[in-house]
Amino acid sequence: MPLADVRTDARTDARVTLRCASCGTWNRVRADRAADGPKCGSCGTAFGLDHPVYLDDDSFDRVILGTDIPVFVDFYADWCGPCKMMAPSVAALARETVGRVLVAKLDTDAAQRTAGRFQIRGIPTCIVFRGGREVTRQSGVVPLGMLRGMVGY
């Protein structure tokens, strides 16, 4: 789906499903309001969607399946040099696509069950999900332009 189509979806009723980092409450945030600084409905903590959202084994499926816009996931590890090299590009992608793409990161050391399920053999590996399904995958360090291309931007 080209990003232009994603923008159309985001203007309607597209939602992003997120767990509050402070209180653990699950929230459904309107994608078209993501740049407005949405807050947790329970505790009021702000969701910063202009940077990557961190996922784990417990939150991965609910976020991927419950989010109506594409979800870009960077599978990484803290000790990985190439992952550190690519981190600024992933952060830039998050800033550029707020409300149109949810950019997330998953630490493969901490979330081994999910990493294994998606057969992550090398890091960094980036996967784009649409409608809960994997649509594209890229392993290795890639420039920001390629990341944009993965999400149709």
C-alpha atoms as a PDB file:
ATOM      1  CA  MET A   1       0.000   0.000   0.000  1.00  0.00           C
ATOM      2  CA  PRO A   2       1.588   3.337  -0.987  1.00  0.00           C
ATOM      3  CA  LEU A   3       1.928   5.918   1.766  1.00  0.00           C
ATOM      4  CA  ALA A   4      -0.682   8.100   0.045  1.00  0.00           C
ATOM      5  CA  ASP A   5      -3.227   5.351   0.778  1.00  0.00           C
ATOM      6  CA  VAL A   6      -2.003   5.186   4.365  1.00  0.00           C
ATOM      7  CA  ARG A   7      -2.608   8.916   4.782  1.00  0.00           C
ATOM      8  CA  THR A   8      -6.185   8.463   3.624  1.00  0.00           C
ATOM      9  CA  ASP A   9      -6.667   5.681   6.187  1.00  0.00           C
ATOM     10  CA  ALA A  10      -5.090   7.800   8.933  1.00  0.00           C
ATOM     11  CA  ARG A  11      -7.581  10.622   8.311  1.00  0.00           C
ATOM     12  CA  THR A  12     -10.539   8.345   8.898  1.00  0.00           C
ATOM     13  CA  ASP A  13     -10.732   5.964  11.821  1.00  0.00           C
ATOM     14  CA  ALA A  14      -7.321   4.251  11.769  1.00  0.00           C
ATOM     15  CA  ARG A  15      -6.063   3.462  15.264  1.00  0.00           C
ATOM     16  CA  VAL A  16      -2.770   2.569  16.894  1.00  0.00           C
ATOM     17  CA  THR A  17      -2.804   0.159  19.831  1.00  0.00           C
ATOM     18  CA  LEU A  18      -0.231   0.954  22.529  1.00  0.00           C
ATOM     19  CA  ARG A  19       0.492  -0.051  26.107  1.00  0.00           C
ATOM     20  CA  CYS A  20       1.295   2.803  28.476  1.00  0.00           C
ATOM     21  CA  ALA A  21       4.871   2.522  29.739  1.00  0.00           C
ATOM     22  CA  SER A  22       3.850   4.036  33.086  1.00  0.00           C
ATOM     23  CA  CYS A  23       0.706   2.162  34.115  1.00  0.00           C
ATOM     24  CA  GLY A  24       0.500  -0.722  31.615  1.00  0.00           C
ATOM     25  CA  THR A  25      -2.993   0.212  30.377  1.00  0.00           C
ATOM     26  CA  TRP A  26      -3.742  -0.574  26.739  1.00  0.00           C
ATOM     27  CA  ASN A  27      -4.892   2.410  24.668  1.00  0.00           C
ATOM     28  CA  ARG A  28      -6.291   2.886  21.151  1.00  0.00           C
ATOM     29  CA  VAL A  29      -4.945   6.143  19.736  1.00  0.00           C
ATOM     30  CA  ARG A  30      -6.333   7.785  16.614  1.00  0.00           C
ATOM     31  CA  ALA A  31      -3.558   7.726  14.000  1.00  0.00           C
ATOM     32  CA  ASP A  32      -4.550  11.126  12.610  1.00  0.00           C
ATOM     33  CA  ARG A  33      -4.021  12.617  16.090  1.00  0.00           C
ATOM     34  CA  ALA A  34      -0.666  10.937  16.758  1.00  0.00           C
ATOM     35  CA  ALA A  35       1.270  14.170  16.204  1.00  0.00           C
ATOM     36  CA  ASP A  36      -0.909  15.983  18.763  1.00  0.00           C
ATOM     37  CA  GLY A  37       0.717  14.272  21.744  1.00  0.00           C
ATOM     38  CA  PRO A  38      -1.852  11.635  22.727  1.00  0.00           C
ATOM     39  CA  LYS A  39      -1.984  10.590  26.361  1.00  0.00           C
ATOM     40  CA  CYS A  40      -2.881   7.435  28.247  1.00  0.00           C
ATOM     41  CA  GLY A  41      -6.581   7.387  29.061  1.00  0.00           C
ATOM     42  CA  SER A  42      -5.840   5.991  32.516  1.00  0.00           C
ATOM     43  CA  CYS A  43      -2.841   7.881  33.911  1.00  0.00           C
ATOM     44  CA  GLY A  44      -2.343  10.745  31.433  1.00  0.00           C
ATOM     45  CA  THR A  45       1.227   9.843  30.448  1.00  0.00           C
ATOM     46  CA  ALA A  46       2.051  11.117  26.957  1.00  0.00           C
ATOM     47  CA  PHE A  47       2.785   8.708  24.109  1.00  0.00           C
ATOM     48  CA  GLY A  48       5.755   9.977  22.105  1.00  0.00           C
ATOM     49  CA  LEU A  49       5.006   8.596  18.655  1.00  0.00           C
ATOM     50  CA  ASP A  50       7.687  10.746  17.028  1.00  0.00           C
ATOM     51  CA  HIS A  51      10.259   8.171  18.131  1.00  0.00           C
ATOM     52  CA  PRO A  52      10.269   4.364  18.029  1.00  0.00           C
ATOM     53  CA  VAL A  53       7.954   2.504  20.389  1.00  0.00           C
ATOM     54  CA  TYR A  54       9.601  -0.401  22.238  1.00  0.00           C
ATOM     55  CA  LEU A  55       7.906  -3.789  22.027  1.00  0.00           C
ATOM     56  CA  ASP A  56       8.504  -7.050  23.891  1.00  0.00           C
ATOM     57  CA  ASP A  57       7.189 -10.605  23.786  1.00  0.00           C
ATOM     58  CA  ASP A  58       4.073  -9.605  25.723  1.00  0.00           C
ATOM     59  CA  SER A  59       3.150  -6.516  23.700  1.00  0.00           C
ATOM     60  CA  PHE A  60       4.211  -7.472  20.173  1.00  0.00           C
ATOM     61  CA  ASP A  61       1.116  -9.307  18.916  1.00  0.00           C
ATOM     62  CA  ARG A  62      -1.385  -6.905  20.423  1.00  0.00           C
ATOM     63  CA  VAL A  63       0.349  -3.888  18.882  1.00  0.00           C
ATOM     64  CA  ILE A  64       0.859  -5.503  15.468  1.00  0.00           C
ATOM     65  CA  LEU A  65      -2.660  -6.953  15.251  1.00  0.00           C
ATOM     66  CA  GLY A  66      -4.399  -3.955  16.822  1.00  0.00           C
ATOM     67  CA  THR A  67      -2.809  -1.217  14.719  1.00  0.00           C
ATOM     68  CA  ASP A  68      -4.565  -0.132  11.540  1.00  0.00           C
ATOM     69  CA  ILE A  69      -1.610   1.673   9.945  1.00  0.00           C
ATOM     70  CA  PRO A  70       1.598  -0.084   8.811  1.00  0.00           C
ATOM     71  CA  VAL A  71       3.980  -1.069  11.605  1.00  0.00           C
ATOM     72  CA  PHE A  72       7.726  -0.925  10.903  1.00  0.00           C
ATOM     73  CA  VAL A  73       9.685  -3.060  13.409  1.00  0.00           C
ATOM     74  CA  ASP A  74      13.452  -2.849  13.866  1.00  0.00           C
ATOM     75  CA  PHE A  75      14.697  -6.125  15.383  1.00  0.00           C
ATOM     76  CA  TYR A  76      17.936  -5.181  17.157  1.00  0.00           C
ATOM     77  CA  ALA A  77      20.212  -5.822  20.150  1.00  0.00           C
ATOM     78  CA  ASP A  78      21.891  -3.276  22.424  1.00  0.00           C
ATOM     79  CA  TRP A  79      25.353  -4.785  21.884  1.00  0.00           C
ATOM     80  CA  CYS A  80      25.090  -4.797  18.062  1.00  0.00           C
ATOM     81  CA  GLY A  81      27.314  -2.236  16.331  1.00  0.00           C
ATOM     82  CA  PRO A  82      25.390  -2.271  13.031  1.00  0.00           C
ATOM     83  CA  CYS A  83      22.132  -1.830  14.982  1.00  0.00           C
ATOM     84  CA  LYS A  84      23.591   1.258  16.657  1.00  0.00           C
ATOM     85  CA  MET A  85      24.637   2.588  13.251  1.00  0.00           C
ATOM     86  CA  MET A  86      21.099   2.248  11.928  1.00  0.00           C
ATOM     87  CA  ALA A  87      19.301   3.586  15.028  1.00  0.00           C
ATOM     88  CA  PRO A  88      19.399   7.261  13.907  1.00  0.00           C
ATOM     89  CA  SER A  89      17.739   6.342  10.599  1.00  0.00           C
ATOM     90  CA  VAL A  90      15.014   4.381  12.401  1.00  0.00           C
ATOM     91  CA  ALA A  91      14.431   7.376  14.694  1.00  0.00           C
ATOM     92  CA  ALA A  92      14.276   9.715  11.685  1.00  0.00           C
ATOM     93  CA  LEU A  93      11.720   7.429  10.030  1.00  0.00           C
ATOM     94  CA  ALA A  94       9.575   7.636  13.165  1.00  0.00           C
ATOM     95  CA  ARG A  95       9.708  11.448  13.146  1.00  0.00           C
ATOM     96  CA  GLU A  96       8.854  11.620   9.429  1.00  0.00           C
ATOM     97  CA  THR A  97       5.914   9.214   9.475  1.00  0.00           C
ATOM     98  CA  VAL A  98       4.025  10.058  12.684  1.00  0.00           C
ATOM     99  CA  GLY A  99       0.408   9.029  12.260  1.00  0.00           C
ATOM    100  CA  ARG A 100       1.034   7.207   8.981  1.00  0.00           C
ATOM    101  CA  VAL A 101       3.421   4.458  10.135  1.00  0.00           C
ATOM    102  CA  LEU A 102       4.063   3.171  13.647  1.00  0.00           C
ATOM    103  CA  VAL A 103       7.815   2.695  14.057  1.00  0.00           C
ATOM    104  CA  ALA A 104       8.777   0.167  16.716  1.00  0.00           C
ATOM    105  CA  LYS A 105      11.866  -1.618  18.012  1.00  0.00           C
ATOM    106  CA  LEU A 106      12.163  -5.103  19.478  1.00  0.00           C
ATOM    107  CA  ASP A 107      15.273  -6.191  21.425  1.00  0.00           C
ATOM    108  CA  THR A 108      15.969  -9.714  20.169  1.00  0.00           C
ATOM    109  CA  ASP A 109      17.877 -10.646  23.345  1.00  0.00           C
ATOM    110  CA  ALA A 110      15.005  -9.658  25.617  1.00  0.00           C
ATOM    111  CA  ALA A 111      12.240 -10.925  23.300  1.00  0.00           C
ATOM    112  CA  GLN A 112      13.674 -14.221  22.114  1.00  0.00           C
ATOM    113  CA  ARG A 113      10.288 -15.871  21.653  1.00  0.00           C
ATOM    114  CA  THR A 114       9.146 -13.264  19.123  1.00  0.00           C
ATOM    115  CA  ALA A 115      12.535 -13.081  17.409  1.00  0.00           C
ATOM    116  CA  GLY A 116      12.503 -16.857  17.017  1.00  0.00           C
ATOM    117  CA  ARG A 117       8.962 -16.891  15.683  1.00  0.00           C
ATOM    118  CA  PHE A 118       9.990 -14.510  12.899  1.00  0.00           C
ATOM    119  CA  GLN A 119      13.232 -16.429  12.326  1.00  0.00           C
ATOM    120  CA  ILE A 120      15.466 -13.447  12.953  1.00  0.00           C
ATOM    121  CA  ARG A 121      18.910 -14.836  12.103  1.00  0.00           C
ATOM    122  CA  GLY A 122      20.816 -11.584  11.708  1.00  0.00           C
ATOM    123  CA  ILE A 123      20.419  -8.120  13.141  1.00  0.00           C
ATOM    124  CA  PRO A 124      19.439  -5.517  12.381  1.00  0.00           C
ATOM    125  CA  THR A 125      16.405  -6.902  10.575  1.00  0.00           C
ATOM    126  CA  CYS A 126      13.471  -4.659   9.734  1.00  0.00           C
ATOM    127  CA  ILE A 127       9.991  -5.971   8.984  1.00  0.00           C
ATOM    128  CA  VAL A 128       6.921  -4.025   7.889  1.00  0.00           C
ATOM    129  CA  PHE A 129       3.534  -5.390   8.958  1.00  0.00           C
ATOM    130  CA  ARG A 130       0.186  -4.391   7.451  1.00  0.00           C
ATOM    131  CA  GLY A 131      -3.057  -5.779   8.751  1.00  0.00           C
ATOM    132  CA  GLY A 132      -1.064  -7.945  11.175  1.00  0.00           C
ATOM    133  CA  ARG A 133       0.862  -9.672   8.360  1.00  0.00           C
ATOM    134  CA  GLU A 134       4.484  -9.344   7.305  1.00  0.00           C
ATOM    135  CA  VAL A 135       4.720  -7.599   3.932  1.00  0.00           C
ATOM    136  CA  THR A 136       8.422  -6.855   3.562  1.00  0.00           C
ATOM    137  CA  ARG A 137      11.702  -7.608   5.286  1.00  0.00           C
ATOM    138  CA  GLN A 138      15.271  -6.305   5.060  1.00  0.00           C
ATOM    139  CA  SER A 139      18.328  -7.512   6.972  1.00  0.00           C
ATOM    140  CA  GLY A 140      21.513  -5.560   7.533  1.00  0.00           C
ATOM    141  CA  VAL A 141      22.273  -1.877   7.814  1.00  0.00           C
ATOM    142  CA  VAL A 142      20.402   0.124   5.199  1.00  0.00           C
ATOM    143  CA  PRO A 143      20.162   3.879   4.619  1.00  0.00           C
ATOM    144  CA  LEU A 144      17.142   5.957   5.552  1.00  0.00           C
ATOM    145  CA  GLY A 145      16.025   6.059   1.920  1.00  0.00           C
ATOM    146  CA  MET A 146      15.620   2.284   1.866  1.00  0.00           C
ATOM    147  CA  LEU A 147      13.670   2.364   5.131  1.00  0.00           C
ATOM    148  CA  ARG A 148      11.365   4.960   3.596  1.00  0.00           C
ATOM    149  CA  GLY A 149      10.930   2.713   0.578  1.00  0.00           C
ATOM    150  CA  MET A 150       9.961  -0.219   2.793  1.00  0.00           C
ATOM    151  CA  VAL A 151       6.964   1.755   4.088  1.00  0.00           C
ATOM    152  CA  GLY A 152       6.160   3.340   0.730  1.00  0.00           C
ATOM    153  CA  TYR A 153       7.386   6.831   1.567  1.00  0.00           C
END
